[in-house]
Amino acid sequence: MIDVLLVDDEAMVREGFRMILETEPDIRVAGEAADGREALRQTVELHPDVVLMDIRMPELDGLEATRRLVANGSARVLVLTTFDNDEYVYEALKSGASGFMLKSAPRDQLITAVRVVAAGEQLLAPGITRRLIEEYVRRPAPGATRPTALEDISERELDVLRLIARGRSNQEIAAELFIGEATVKTHIGRIFAKLGLRDRAQAVVAAYEAGLVRVGETGEASGAGG
């Protein structure tokens, strides 16, 4: 059973999510919180598997609450956001949120997202990744602060990192680079270890901040190799 904590300052929004999630036999809404501070308290008491987190809330916003939850290893956070008024998504990525969904996403996508995050995977909806890159990640000058840790990354690992930043799945990376999925997973593990990354979300941020991929770039990864 996947226990979920709903965090949103609007009661009607929480009720809507509850109605959607509780139709599934493997998902249970363990509790609700109306702000970040209450979310921290409820997480300690209820030990949810996934915290469904709004960002703009009184008392303590979802960004800071996400930072604290991830730092404590308390739960995995799935952020629900809109791009009309949310300028915190980039920082939430860096804070270690495990997934991002638009509040307008269809119910089946929300349910899938909860299951994916609960299973320990990361989820970045393609539309969110694209808008994130276009609106926020372009702000640092690409390549201006290329991390010295990249000096330890092999050319093939750089290929994999570029493709992660373009939103490719492991299967798509394997097909594009003509290698097996097991090899892709090995490369990703090494990339994360060398750069001190927690997940794919942080890998996207790292690749764009380092200038490995630029907004609108669609070029192919570099040639063959293992």
Foldseek 3Di string as FASTA:
>chain_A
DAEEEEEALDPVLSVVLQVLQVVDPVYHHQYYYNALVVVVVVLVVRQGQEYEAEADGPPHGRQVSLLVCVVVVSYAYEYEYDPVDDPCVLSSLVSHHQEYDYSPDDSVVVNVQSVQVSVVHGYYPLVNLLCCQVPPLVPAPAQPCQDPLCVVQDLVLLLLLQVLLNVDDLVRSCVLQVHDSVVSVVSVVVVCVSVVHDHSSVSNSNCSNNNSDHRPDDDHRDHHDD
